[in-house]
Amino acid sequence: VDANSLTTELSDIFVPDDTFLLGPQSLLDLGSCKTTAHTKESLSMDE
């Protein structure tokens, strides 16, 4: 396997959209952070 074909295969598997959604600072992580912050706010209001 040469470098060009390997790069092509990886590019097909990990397209930029997947990287954005599944990367370290992905939308899924941002959503869970916002949910956690909202949960803390709700708990403080209940007290």
PDB file of N, CA and C in Angstrom:
ATOM      1  N   VAL A   1       0.864  -1.195   0.000  1.00  0.00           N
ATOM      2  CA  VAL A   1       0.000   0.000   0.000  1.00  0.00           C
ATOM      3  C   VAL A   1       0.894   1.236   0.000  1.00  0.00           C
ATOM      4  N   ASP A   2       0.672   2.108  -0.980  1.00  0.00           N
ATOM      5  CA  ASP A   2       1.474   3.334  -1.009  1.00  0.00           C
ATOM      6  C   ASP A   2       0.759   4.469  -0.277  1.00  0.00           C
ATOM      7  N   ALA A   3       1.484   5.533  -0.026  1.00  0.00           N
ATOM      8  CA  ALA A   3       0.962   6.647   0.782  1.00  0.00           C
ATOM      9  C   ALA A   3      -0.262   7.293   0.139  1.00  0.00           C
ATOM     10  N   ASN A   4      -0.265   7.415  -1.179  1.00  0.00           N
ATOM     11  CA  ASN A   4      -1.390   8.075  -1.855  1.00  0.00           C
ATOM     12  C   ASN A   4      -2.681   7.281  -1.714  1.00  0.00           C
ATOM     13  N   SER A   5      -2.621   5.975  -1.889  1.00  0.00           N
ATOM     14  CA  SER A   5      -3.840   5.179  -1.766  1.00  0.00           C
ATOM     15  C   SER A   5      -4.318   5.134  -0.319  1.00  0.00           C
ATOM     16  N   LEU A   6      -3.383   5.104   0.624  1.00  0.00           N
ATOM     17  CA  LEU A   6      -3.749   5.116   2.037  1.00  0.00           C
ATOM     18  C   LEU A   6      -4.430   6.440   2.399  1.00  0.00           C
ATOM     19  N   THR A   7      -3.882   7.536   1.917  1.00  0.00           N
ATOM     20  CA  THR A   7      -4.481   8.852   2.164  1.00  0.00           C
ATOM     21  C   THR A   7      -5.881   8.927   1.575  1.00  0.00           C
ATOM     22  N   THR A   8      -6.052   8.383   0.380  1.00  0.00           N
ATOM     23  CA  THR A   8      -7.364   8.394  -0.267  1.00  0.00           C
ATOM     24  C   THR A   8      -8.365   7.585   0.538  1.00  0.00           C
ATOM     25  N   GLU A   9      -7.962   6.411   1.008  1.00  0.00           N
ATOM     26  CA  GLU A   9      -8.862   5.573   1.799  1.00  0.00           C
ATOM     27  C   GLU A   9      -9.261   6.269   3.101  1.00  0.00           C
ATOM     28  N   LEU A  10      -8.310   6.860   3.783  1.00  0.00           N
ATOM     29  CA  LEU A  10      -8.610   7.555   5.034  1.00  0.00           C
ATOM     30  C   LEU A  10      -9.496   8.774   4.791  1.00  0.00           C
ATOM     31  N   SER A  11      -9.271   9.462   3.687  1.00  0.00           N
ATOM     32  CA  SER A  11     -10.089  10.628   3.360  1.00  0.00           C
ATOM     33  C   SER A  11     -11.530  10.219   3.092  1.00  0.00           C
ATOM     34  N   ASP A  12     -11.717   9.052   2.470  1.00  0.00           N
ATOM     35  CA  ASP A  12     -13.066   8.563   2.201  1.00  0.00           C
ATOM     36  C   ASP A  12     -13.774   8.182   3.496  1.00  0.00           C
ATOM     37  N   ILE A  13     -13.056   7.635   4.446  1.00  0.00           N
ATOM     38  CA  ILE A  13     -13.654   7.198   5.706  1.00  0.00           C
ATOM     39  C   ILE A  13     -13.925   8.395   6.607  1.00  0.00           C
ATOM     40  N   PHE A  14     -12.944   9.259   6.784  1.00  0.00           N
ATOM     41  CA  PHE A  14     -13.075  10.406   7.682  1.00  0.00           C
ATOM     42  C   PHE A  14     -13.214  11.689   6.872  1.00  0.00           C
ATOM     43  N   VAL A  15     -14.416  11.974   6.445  1.00  0.00           N
ATOM     44  CA  VAL A  15     -14.657  13.202   5.701  1.00  0.00           C
ATOM     45  C   VAL A  15     -14.706  14.362   6.691  1.00  0.00           C
ATOM     46  N   PRO A  16     -14.503  15.590   6.238  1.00  0.00           N
ATOM     47  CA  PRO A  16     -14.485  16.738   7.152  1.00  0.00           C
ATOM     48  C   PRO A  16     -15.713  16.834   8.054  1.00  0.00           C
ATOM     49  N   ASP A  17     -16.892  16.471   7.550  1.00  0.00           N
ATOM     50  CA  ASP A  17     -18.101  16.529   8.374  1.00  0.00           C
ATOM     51  C   ASP A  17     -17.993  15.586   9.564  1.00  0.00           C
ATOM     52  N   ASP A  18     -17.485  14.376   9.338  1.00  0.00           N
ATOM     53  CA  ASP A  18     -17.322  13.419  10.432  1.00  0.00           C
ATOM     54  C   ASP A  18     -16.310  13.934  11.448  1.00  0.00           C
ATOM     55  N   THR A  19     -15.234  14.522  10.960  1.00  0.00           N
ATOM     56  CA  THR A  19     -14.212  15.053  11.854  1.00  0.00           C
ATOM     57  C   THR A  19     -14.802  16.163  12.714  1.00  0.00           C
ATOM     58  N   PHE A  20     -15.630  17.002  12.119  1.00  0.00           N
ATOM     59  CA  PHE A  20     -16.237  18.109  12.856  1.00  0.00           C
ATOM     60  C   PHE A  20     -17.216  17.590  13.909  1.00  0.00           C
ATOM     61  N   LEU A  21     -17.956  16.540  13.565  1.00  0.00           N
ATOM     62  CA  LEU A  21     -18.947  15.995  14.501  1.00  0.00           C
ATOM     63  C   LEU A  21     -18.320  15.112  15.567  1.00  0.00           C
ATOM     64  N   LEU A  22     -17.240  14.418  15.228  1.00  0.00           N
ATOM     65  CA  LEU A  22     -16.673  13.426  16.136  1.00  0.00           C
ATOM     66  C   LEU A  22     -15.314  13.823  16.695  1.00  0.00           C
ATOM     67  N   GLY A  23     -14.809  14.978  16.332  1.00  0.00           N
ATOM     68  CA  GLY A  23     -13.489  15.408  16.784  1.00  0.00           C
ATOM     69  C   GLY A  23     -13.483  15.853  18.234  1.00  0.00           C
ATOM     70  N   PRO A  24     -12.328  16.276  18.727  1.00  0.00           N
ATOM     71  CA  PRO A  24     -12.177  16.675  20.134  1.00  0.00           C
ATOM     72  C   PRO A  24     -13.127  17.798  20.546  1.00  0.00           C
ATOM     73  N   GLN A  25     -13.342  18.762  19.650  1.00  0.00           N
ATOM     74  CA  GLN A  25     -14.264  19.864  19.961  1.00  0.00           C
ATOM     75  C   GLN A  25     -15.459  19.769  19.027  1.00  0.00           C
ATOM     76  N   SER A  26     -16.137  18.633  19.080  1.00  0.00           N
ATOM     77  CA  SER A  26     -17.223  18.366  18.155  1.00  0.00           C
ATOM     78  C   SER A  26     -18.530  18.984  18.623  1.00  0.00           C
ATOM     79  N   LEU A  27     -19.498  18.985  17.738  1.00  0.00           N
ATOM     80  CA  LEU A  27     -20.827  19.483  18.084  1.00  0.00           C
ATOM     81  C   LEU A  27     -21.454  18.626  19.169  1.00  0.00           C
ATOM     82  N   LEU A  28     -21.175  17.334  19.145  1.00  0.00           N
ATOM     83  CA  LEU A  28     -21.739  16.450  20.162  1.00  0.00           C
ATOM     84  C   LEU A  28     -21.196  16.810  21.538  1.00  0.00           C
ATOM     85  N   ASP A  29     -19.900  17.120  21.620  1.00  0.00           N
ATOM     86  CA  ASP A  29     -19.306  17.513  22.901  1.00  0.00           C
ATOM     87  C   ASP A  29     -19.870  18.852  23.370  1.00  0.00           C
ATOM     88  N   LEU A  30     -20.032  19.791  22.445  1.00  0.00           N
ATOM     89  CA  LEU A  30     -20.587  21.094  22.817  1.00  0.00           C
ATOM     90  C   LEU A  30     -22.010  20.927  23.324  1.00  0.00           C
ATOM     91  N   GLY A  31     -22.773  20.044  22.686  1.00  0.00           N
ATOM     92  CA  GLY A  31     -24.142  19.800  23.117  1.00  0.00           C
ATOM     93  C   GLY A  31     -24.192  19.215  24.509  1.00  0.00           C
ATOM     94  N   SER A  32     -23.301  18.296  24.822  1.00  0.00           N
ATOM     95  CA  SER A  32     -23.297  17.694  26.154  1.00  0.00           C
ATOM     96  C   SER A  32     -22.846  18.710  27.201  1.00  0.00           C
ATOM     97  N   CYS A  33     -21.939  19.605  26.851  1.00  0.00           N
ATOM     98  CA  CYS A  33     -21.503  20.646  27.789  1.00  0.00           C
ATOM     99  C   CYS A  33     -22.653  21.595  28.096  1.00  0.00           C
ATOM    100  N   LYS A  34     -23.400  21.972  27.071  1.00  0.00           N
ATOM    101  CA  LYS A  34     -24.536  22.869  27.281  1.00  0.00           C
ATOM    102  C   LYS A  34     -25.604  22.182  28.122  1.00  0.00           C
ATOM    103  N   THR A  35     -25.822  20.903  27.881  1.00  0.00           N
ATOM    104  CA  THR A  35     -26.810  20.152  28.651  1.00  0.00           C
ATOM    105  C   THR A  35     -26.395  20.092  30.116  1.00  0.00           C
ATOM    106  N   THR A  36     -25.123  19.865  30.374  1.00  0.00           N
ATOM    107  CA  THR A  36     -24.623  19.813  31.747  1.00  0.00           C
ATOM    108  C   THR A  36     -24.806  21.165  32.428  1.00  0.00           C
ATOM    109  N   ALA A  37     -24.486  22.235  31.729  1.00  0.00           N
ATOM    110  CA  ALA A  37     -24.640  23.574  32.301  1.00  0.00           C
ATOM    111  C   ALA A  37     -26.108  23.849  32.601  1.00  0.00           C
ATOM    112  N   HIS A  38     -26.982  23.444  31.705  1.00  0.00           N
ATOM    113  CA  HIS A  38     -28.417  23.665  31.904  1.00  0.00           C
ATOM    114  C   HIS A  38     -28.916  22.859  33.102  1.00  0.00           C
ATOM    115  N   THR A  39     -28.419  21.646  33.252  1.00  0.00           N
ATOM    116  CA  THR A  39     -28.820  20.806  34.380  1.00  0.00           C
ATOM    117  C   THR A  39     -28.412  21.460  35.698  1.00  0.00           C
ATOM    118  N   LYS A  40     -27.205  22.003  35.760  1.00  0.00           N
ATOM    119  CA  LYS A  40     -26.746  22.660  36.986  1.00  0.00           C
ATOM    120  C   LYS A  40     -27.618  23.875  37.306  1.00  0.00           C
ATOM    121  N   GLU A  41     -27.990  24.626  36.275  1.00  0.00           N
ATOM    122  CA  GLU A  41     -28.850  25.791  36.488  1.00  0.00           C
ATOM    123  C   GLU A  41     -30.208  25.349  37.026  1.00  0.00           C
ATOM    124  N   SER A  42     -30.755  24.284  36.470  1.00  0.00           N
ATOM    125  CA  SER A  42     -32.062  23.800  36.905  1.00  0.00           C
ATOM    126  C   SER A  42     -32.013  23.349  38.358  1.00  0.00           C
ATOM    127  N   LEU A  43     -30.948  22.674  38.747  1.00  0.00           N
ATOM    128  CA  LEU A  43     -30.825  22.208  40.124  1.00  0.00           C
ATOM    129  C   LEU A  43     -30.727  23.382  41.088  1.00  0.00           C
ATOM    130  N   SER A  44     -29.988  24.418  40.707  1.00  0.00           N
ATOM    131  CA  SER A  44     -29.844  25.559  41.606  1.00  0.00           C
ATOM    132  C   SER A  44     -31.170  26.306  41.753  1.00  0.00           C
ATOM    133  N   MET A  45     -32.003  26.301  40.739  1.00  0.00           N
ATOM    134  CA  MET A  45     -33.297  26.974  40.810  1.00  0.00           C
ATOM    135  C   MET A  45     -34.271  26.197  41.699  1.00  0.00           C
ATOM    136  N   ASP A  46     -34.100  24.888  41.774  1.00  0.00           N
ATOM    137  CA  ASP A  46     -35.000  24.051  42.572  1.00  0.00           C
ATOM    138  C   ASP A  46     -34.760  24.200  44.071  1.00  0.00           C
ATOM    139  N   GLU A  47     -33.592  24.670  44.451  1.00  0.00           N
ATOM    140  CA  GLU A  47     -33.257  24.751  45.877  1.00  0.00           C
ATOM    141  C   GLU A  47     -34.065  25.800  46.612  1.00  0.00           C
TER     142      GLU A  47
END
